Amino acid sequence: MIRFLIDEDMPRSTAGALRSIGFECYDARDIGLRGADDQVIFEWAQKENCVILTEDLGFSNTLRFPLGSHKGIVIVRYPGEMSTETMNKILIDTLPPIQEELPNNLTIIEPEKIRIRRRT
């Protein structure tokens, strides 16, 4: 099962929602990474074998975070007016079927669309 590091820009409830379906999750705010630089978050996730789950587009920079150099990065792109409950429900429905494709890749989840940039 995939392990996730939930970035601080995600809702507090996301880690609990994903834990409820069997994923192991760490919230950056709970492990001393609140306000940490992206590089620090990235390094922690690699050390702990975690996929980063974030809304931070900085993690989509494949020059800074090359495909294949990490355990996986998932960027969530939902409209600001979407409720936390709806966002979490979409993640609960979306992540299990694609979990095998997350490692080493950059995955962008948008309403009704998933894009996966794969390591070549």
N, C-alpha and C. Protein backbone atom coordinates (compact mmCIF):
# COMPACT_ATOMS: atom_id res chain seq x y z
N MET A 1 0.85 -1.19 0.00
CA MET A 1 0.00 0.00 0.00
C MET A 1 0.89 1.24 0.00
N ILE A 2 0.48 2.23 -0.72
CA ILE A 2 1.21 3.49 -0.84
C ILE A 2 1.15 4.26 0.48
N ARG A 3 2.26 4.92 0.80
CA ARG A 3 2.33 5.82 1.94
C ARG A 3 2.32 7.25 1.40
N PHE A 4 1.56 8.13 2.05
CA PHE A 4 1.46 9.51 1.60
C PHE A 4 2.01 10.47 2.64
N LEU A 5 2.69 11.51 2.16
CA LEU A 5 2.98 12.69 2.96
C LEU A 5 2.03 13.76 2.46
N ILE A 6 1.10 14.18 3.31
CA ILE A 6 0.10 15.18 2.97
C ILE A 6 0.69 16.56 3.26
N ASP A 7 0.84 17.37 2.23
CA ASP A 7 1.40 18.71 2.38
C ASP A 7 0.44 19.60 3.16
N GLU A 8 0.97 20.65 3.75
CA GLU A 8 0.16 21.51 4.61
C GLU A 8 -0.89 22.32 3.86
N ASP A 9 -0.82 22.36 2.54
CA ASP A 9 -1.85 23.09 1.80
C ASP A 9 -3.10 22.26 1.54
N MET A 10 -3.06 21.00 1.93
CA MET A 10 -4.22 20.12 1.79
C MET A 10 -5.09 20.24 3.05
N PRO A 11 -6.38 19.90 2.94
CA PRO A 11 -7.24 19.94 4.14
C PRO A 11 -6.73 19.01 5.23
N ARG A 12 -6.92 19.41 6.46
CA ARG A 12 -6.53 18.60 7.61
C ARG A 12 -7.17 17.22 7.58
N SER A 13 -8.37 17.14 7.06
CA SER A 13 -9.13 15.89 7.07
C SER A 13 -8.68 14.88 6.01
N THR A 14 -7.84 15.29 5.08
CA THR A 14 -7.45 14.39 3.99
C THR A 14 -6.70 13.17 4.49
N ALA A 15 -5.78 13.35 5.42
CA ALA A 15 -5.03 12.20 5.94
C ALA A 15 -5.98 11.18 6.56
N GLY A 16 -6.92 11.64 7.35
CA GLY A 16 -7.88 10.73 7.97
C GLY A 16 -8.75 10.02 6.94
N ALA A 17 -9.16 10.75 5.92
CA ALA A 17 -9.99 10.15 4.86
C ALA A 17 -9.22 9.04 4.16
N LEU A 18 -7.96 9.27 3.86
CA LEU A 18 -7.16 8.25 3.17
C LEU A 18 -6.80 7.08 4.10
N ARG A 19 -6.60 7.39 5.37
CA ARG A 19 -6.36 6.30 6.34
C ARG A 19 -7.57 5.38 6.44
N SER A 20 -8.76 5.95 6.29
CA SER A 20 -9.99 5.16 6.42
C SER A 20 -10.11 4.09 5.33
N ILE A 21 -9.36 4.24 4.24
CA ILE A 21 -9.39 3.23 3.19
C ILE A 21 -8.07 2.45 3.12
N GLY A 22 -7.26 2.58 4.18
CA GLY A 22 -6.09 1.73 4.31
C GLY A 22 -4.75 2.32 3.95
N PHE A 23 -4.70 3.57 3.52
CA PHE A 23 -3.41 4.19 3.21
C PHE A 23 -2.74 4.65 4.50
N GLU A 24 -1.42 4.58 4.53
CA GLU A 24 -0.65 5.15 5.63
C GLU A 24 -0.34 6.59 5.24
N CYS A 25 -0.68 7.54 6.12
CA CYS A 25 -0.53 8.95 5.80
C CYS A 25 0.15 9.71 6.93
N TYR A 26 0.96 10.67 6.54
CA TYR A 26 1.59 11.61 7.46
C TYR A 26 1.21 13.01 7.02
N ASP A 27 0.78 13.83 7.95
CA ASP A 27 0.45 15.22 7.66
C ASP A 27 1.67 16.06 8.01
N ALA A 28 2.14 16.88 7.07
CA ALA A 28 3.33 17.70 7.28
C ALA A 28 3.23 18.53 8.56
N ARG A 29 2.03 18.96 8.91
CA ARG A 29 1.84 19.79 10.10
C ARG A 29 2.06 19.01 11.38
N ASP A 30 1.90 17.70 11.32
CA ASP A 30 2.01 16.87 12.53
C ASP A 30 3.41 16.32 12.75
N ILE A 31 4.28 16.47 11.76
CA ILE A 31 5.62 15.88 11.89
C ILE A 31 6.73 16.93 11.83
N GLY A 32 6.36 18.17 12.15
CA GLY A 32 7.37 19.23 12.24
C GLY A 32 7.75 19.86 10.91
N LEU A 33 6.92 19.69 9.87
CA LEU A 33 7.25 20.26 8.57
C LEU A 33 6.35 21.44 8.19
N ARG A 34 5.62 21.98 9.15
CA ARG A 34 4.78 23.16 8.87
C ARG A 34 5.71 24.30 8.43
N GLY A 35 5.40 24.88 7.27
CA GLY A 35 6.19 26.00 6.76
C GLY A 35 7.52 25.60 6.15
N ALA A 36 7.79 24.31 6.05
CA ALA A 36 9.08 23.85 5.51
C ALA A 36 9.17 24.12 4.01
N ASP A 37 10.37 24.34 3.55
CA ASP A 37 10.65 24.51 2.13
C ASP A 37 10.29 23.24 1.37
N ASP A 38 9.90 23.39 0.11
CA ASP A 38 9.54 22.23 -0.71
C ASP A 38 10.66 21.19 -0.72
N GLN A 39 11.91 21.62 -0.77
CA GLN A 39 13.02 20.66 -0.82
C GLN A 39 13.09 19.83 0.46
N VAL A 40 12.81 20.43 1.59
CA VAL A 40 12.81 19.71 2.87
C VAL A 40 11.68 18.69 2.88
N ILE A 41 10.51 19.08 2.41
CA ILE A 41 9.37 18.16 2.34
C ILE A 41 9.70 17.01 1.39
N PHE A 42 10.27 17.34 0.25
CA PHE A 42 10.66 16.34 -0.74
C PHE A 42 11.64 15.33 -0.13
N GLU A 43 12.67 15.81 0.53
CA GLU A 43 13.68 14.93 1.11
C GLU A 43 13.09 14.03 2.20
N TRP A 44 12.19 14.58 3.04
CA TRP A 44 11.55 13.76 4.07
C TRP A 44 10.74 12.65 3.43
N ALA A 45 9.98 13.00 2.40
CA ALA A 45 9.13 12.01 1.72
C ALA A 45 9.98 10.90 1.10
N GLN A 46 11.12 11.25 0.53
CA GLN A 46 11.97 10.23 -0.08
C GLN A 46 12.55 9.31 0.99
N LYS A 47 12.99 9.90 2.07
CA LYS A 47 13.58 9.11 3.17
C LYS A 47 12.56 8.14 3.76
N GLU A 48 11.30 8.55 3.82
CA GLU A 48 10.25 7.74 4.42
C GLU A 48 9.42 6.95 3.40
N ASN A 49 9.86 6.96 2.15
CA ASN A 49 9.17 6.23 1.07
C ASN A 49 7.71 6.64 0.91
N CYS A 50 7.49 7.94 0.86
CA CYS A 50 6.13 8.47 0.74
C CYS A 50 5.92 9.19 -0.58
N VAL A 51 4.71 9.07 -1.10
CA VAL A 51 4.25 9.88 -2.22
C VAL A 51 3.78 11.21 -1.63
N ILE A 52 4.18 12.31 -2.23
CA ILE A 52 3.75 13.63 -1.77
C ILE A 52 2.38 13.93 -2.37
N LEU A 53 1.44 14.32 -1.53
CA LEU A 53 0.10 14.73 -1.97
C LEU A 53 -0.05 16.21 -1.62
N THR A 54 -0.21 17.05 -2.64
CA THR A 54 -0.14 18.49 -2.44
C THR A 54 -1.01 19.24 -3.44
N GLU A 55 -1.25 20.51 -3.15
CA GLU A 55 -1.86 21.42 -4.12
C GLU A 55 -0.80 22.39 -4.66
N ASP A 56 0.42 22.28 -4.20
CA ASP A 56 1.52 23.18 -4.54
C ASP A 56 2.08 22.87 -5.93
N LEU A 57 1.84 23.76 -6.87
CA LEU A 57 2.31 23.56 -8.25
C LEU A 57 3.84 23.57 -8.36
N GLY A 58 4.52 24.05 -7.34
CA GLY A 58 5.98 24.01 -7.35
C GLY A 58 6.52 22.60 -7.49
N PHE A 59 5.77 21.62 -6.97
CA PHE A 59 6.20 20.23 -7.07
C PHE A 59 6.03 19.66 -8.48
N SER A 60 5.39 20.41 -9.37
CA SER A 60 5.24 19.93 -10.75
C SER A 60 6.45 20.27 -11.61
N ASN A 61 7.42 20.98 -11.06
CA ASN A 61 8.62 21.36 -11.79
C ASN A 61 9.51 20.13 -11.95
N THR A 62 9.49 19.53 -13.15
CA THR A 62 10.25 18.30 -13.37
C THR A 62 11.75 18.55 -13.52
N LEU A 63 12.16 19.79 -13.62
CA LEU A 63 13.60 20.08 -13.58
C LEU A 63 14.10 20.00 -12.15
N ARG A 64 13.30 20.50 -11.23
CA ARG A 64 13.66 20.46 -9.80
C ARG A 64 13.40 19.09 -9.18
N PHE A 65 12.31 18.45 -9.60
CA PHE A 65 11.91 17.14 -9.08
C PHE A 65 11.73 16.18 -10.27
N PRO A 66 12.84 15.71 -10.86
CA PRO A 66 12.75 14.89 -12.08
C PRO A 66 11.96 13.59 -11.88
N LEU A 67 11.21 13.25 -12.92
CA LEU A 67 10.48 11.98 -12.89
C LEU A 67 11.47 10.85 -12.67
N GLY A 68 11.09 9.90 -11.83
CA GLY A 68 11.95 8.77 -11.52
C GLY A 68 12.90 9.02 -10.37
N SER A 69 13.01 10.28 -9.92
CA SER A 69 13.92 10.59 -8.81
C SER A 69 13.21 10.61 -7.47
N HIS A 70 11.93 10.26 -7.47
CA HIS A 70 11.14 10.35 -6.25
C HIS A 70 10.15 9.20 -6.17
N LYS A 71 9.53 9.08 -5.01
CA LYS A 71 8.54 8.02 -4.77
C LYS A 71 7.19 8.33 -5.40
N GLY A 72 7.03 9.54 -5.88
CA GLY A 72 5.80 9.96 -6.53
C GLY A 72 5.32 11.29 -5.98
N ILE A 73 4.71 12.07 -6.86
CA ILE A 73 4.12 13.35 -6.48
C ILE A 73 2.72 13.40 -7.09
N VAL A 74 1.75 13.72 -6.25
CA VAL A 74 0.36 13.88 -6.71
C VAL A 74 -0.04 15.32 -6.41
N ILE A 75 -0.44 16.02 -7.45
CA ILE A 75 -0.90 17.40 -7.30
C ILE A 75 -2.41 17.42 -7.52
N VAL A 76 -3.10 17.99 -6.56
CA VAL A 76 -4.55 18.08 -6.59
C VAL A 76 -4.92 19.48 -7.05
N ARG A 77 -5.72 19.57 -8.11
CA ARG A 77 -6.14 20.86 -8.68
C ARG A 77 -7.65 20.92 -8.71
N TYR A 78 -8.25 21.38 -7.60
CA TYR A 78 -9.70 21.52 -7.52
C TYR A 78 -10.06 22.97 -7.30
N PRO A 79 -11.24 23.35 -7.76
CA PRO A 79 -11.67 24.73 -7.55
C PRO A 79 -11.79 25.06 -6.06
N GLY A 80 -11.47 26.29 -5.71
CA GLY A 80 -11.50 26.73 -4.32
C GLY A 80 -12.86 26.59 -3.66
N GLU A 81 -13.93 26.63 -4.46
CA GLU A 81 -15.26 26.54 -3.87
C GLU A 81 -15.70 25.10 -3.61
N MET A 82 -14.87 24.12 -4.01
CA MET A 82 -15.21 22.73 -3.75
C MET A 82 -15.07 22.44 -2.26
N SER A 83 -16.04 21.76 -1.70
CA SER A 83 -15.98 21.46 -0.27
C SER A 83 -14.89 20.43 0.02
N THR A 84 -14.38 20.49 1.23
CA THR A 84 -13.37 19.52 1.68
C THR A 84 -13.91 18.10 1.58
N GLU A 85 -15.15 17.91 1.96
CA GLU A 85 -15.76 16.59 1.91
C GLU A 85 -15.79 16.05 0.48
N THR A 86 -16.13 16.90 -0.47
CA THR A 86 -16.17 16.48 -1.87
C THR A 86 -14.77 16.14 -2.36
N MET A 87 -13.80 16.99 -2.03
CA MET A 87 -12.42 16.73 -2.44
C MET A 87 -11.93 15.39 -1.88
N ASN A 88 -12.16 15.17 -0.61
CA ASN A 88 -11.72 13.91 0.00
C ASN A 88 -12.42 12.71 -0.63
N LYS A 89 -13.70 12.84 -0.93
CA LYS A 89 -14.44 11.74 -1.57
C LYS A 89 -13.85 11.42 -2.94
N ILE A 90 -13.51 12.45 -3.70
CA ILE A 90 -12.90 12.23 -5.01
C ILE A 90 -11.56 11.52 -4.86
N LEU A 91 -10.75 11.93 -3.88
CA LEU A 91 -9.46 11.28 -3.66
C LEU A 91 -9.64 9.82 -3.23
N ILE A 92 -10.62 9.57 -2.38
CA ILE A 92 -10.91 8.19 -1.95
C ILE A 92 -11.29 7.33 -3.15
N ASP A 93 -12.03 7.89 -4.08
CA ASP A 93 -12.45 7.14 -5.26
C ASP A 93 -11.35 7.03 -6.31
N THR A 94 -10.49 8.04 -6.39
CA THR A 94 -9.50 8.13 -7.47
C THR A 94 -8.19 7.41 -7.16
N LEU A 95 -7.68 7.54 -5.95
CA LEU A 95 -6.33 7.05 -5.66
C LEU A 95 -6.18 5.52 -5.67
N PRO A 96 -7.09 4.76 -5.08
CA PRO A 96 -6.86 3.30 -5.08
C PRO A 96 -6.68 2.68 -6.47
N PRO A 97 -7.50 3.03 -7.46
CA PRO A 97 -7.32 2.39 -8.77
C PRO A 97 -6.02 2.76 -9.48
N ILE A 98 -5.42 3.91 -9.14
CA ILE A 98 -4.19 4.33 -9.83
C ILE A 98 -2.95 4.20 -8.97
N GLN A 99 -3.07 3.62 -7.78
CA GLN A 99 -1.94 3.62 -6.84
C GLN A 99 -0.69 2.97 -7.41
N GLU A 100 -0.82 1.98 -8.27
CA GLU A 100 0.35 1.31 -8.84
C GLU A 100 1.11 2.22 -9.80
N GLU A 101 0.45 3.25 -10.30
CA GLU A 101 1.08 4.17 -11.24
C GLU A 101 1.71 5.39 -10.57
N LEU A 102 1.54 5.56 -9.27
CA LEU A 102 2.03 6.75 -8.59
C LEU A 102 3.55 6.78 -8.41
N PRO A 103 4.20 5.68 -8.03
CA PRO A 103 5.64 5.76 -7.79
C PRO A 103 6.42 6.22 -9.02
N ASN A 104 7.37 7.12 -8.77
CA ASN A 104 8.28 7.68 -9.78
C ASN A 104 7.65 8.68 -10.74
N ASN A 105 6.33 8.85 -10.67
CA ASN A 105 5.62 9.68 -11.64
C ASN A 105 5.03 10.93 -11.00
N LEU A 106 4.65 11.87 -11.86
CA LEU A 106 3.93 13.06 -11.45
C LEU A 106 2.49 12.88 -11.89
N THR A 107 1.58 12.91 -10.93
CA THR A 107 0.16 12.72 -11.22
C THR A 107 -0.58 14.00 -10.86
N ILE A 108 -1.41 14.46 -11.78
CA ILE A 108 -2.22 15.65 -11.54
C ILE A 108 -3.68 15.23 -11.59
N ILE A 109 -4.37 15.47 -10.48
CA ILE A 109 -5.79 15.10 -10.38
C ILE A 109 -6.62 16.38 -10.42
N GLU A 110 -7.49 16.45 -11.42
CA GLU A 110 -8.40 17.57 -11.59
C GLU A 110 -9.82 17.02 -11.64
N PRO A 111 -10.81 17.89 -11.51
CA PRO A 111 -12.18 17.38 -11.63
C PRO A 111 -12.36 16.63 -12.95
N GLU A 112 -12.74 15.38 -12.84
CA GLU A 112 -13.03 14.52 -13.98
C GLU A 112 -11.85 14.31 -14.93
N LYS A 113 -10.62 14.47 -14.43
CA LYS A 113 -9.45 14.29 -15.28
C LYS A 113 -8.24 13.92 -14.43
N ILE A 114 -7.51 12.92 -14.89
CA ILE A 114 -6.26 12.52 -14.25
C ILE A 114 -5.18 12.50 -15.32
N ARG A 115 -4.07 13.20 -15.05
CA ARG A 115 -2.93 13.18 -15.97
C ARG A 115 -1.74 12.59 -15.23
N ILE A 116 -1.06 11.66 -15.87
CA ILE A 116 0.11 11.05 -15.27
C ILE A 116 1.29 11.26 -16.20
N ARG A 117 2.30 11.97 -15.71
CA ARG A 117 3.56 12.12 -16.45
C ARG A 117 4.48 11.03 -15.95
N ARG A 118 4.79 10.11 -16.86
CA ARG A 118 5.56 8.94 -16.49
C ARG A 118 7.04 9.11 -16.77
N ARG A 119 7.81 8.44 -15.96
CA ARG A 119 9.25 8.37 -16.17
C ARG A 119 9.47 7.57 -17.44
N THR A 120 10.37 8.02 -18.30
CA THR A 120 10.64 7.29 -19.53
C THR A 120 11.96 6.56 -19.45
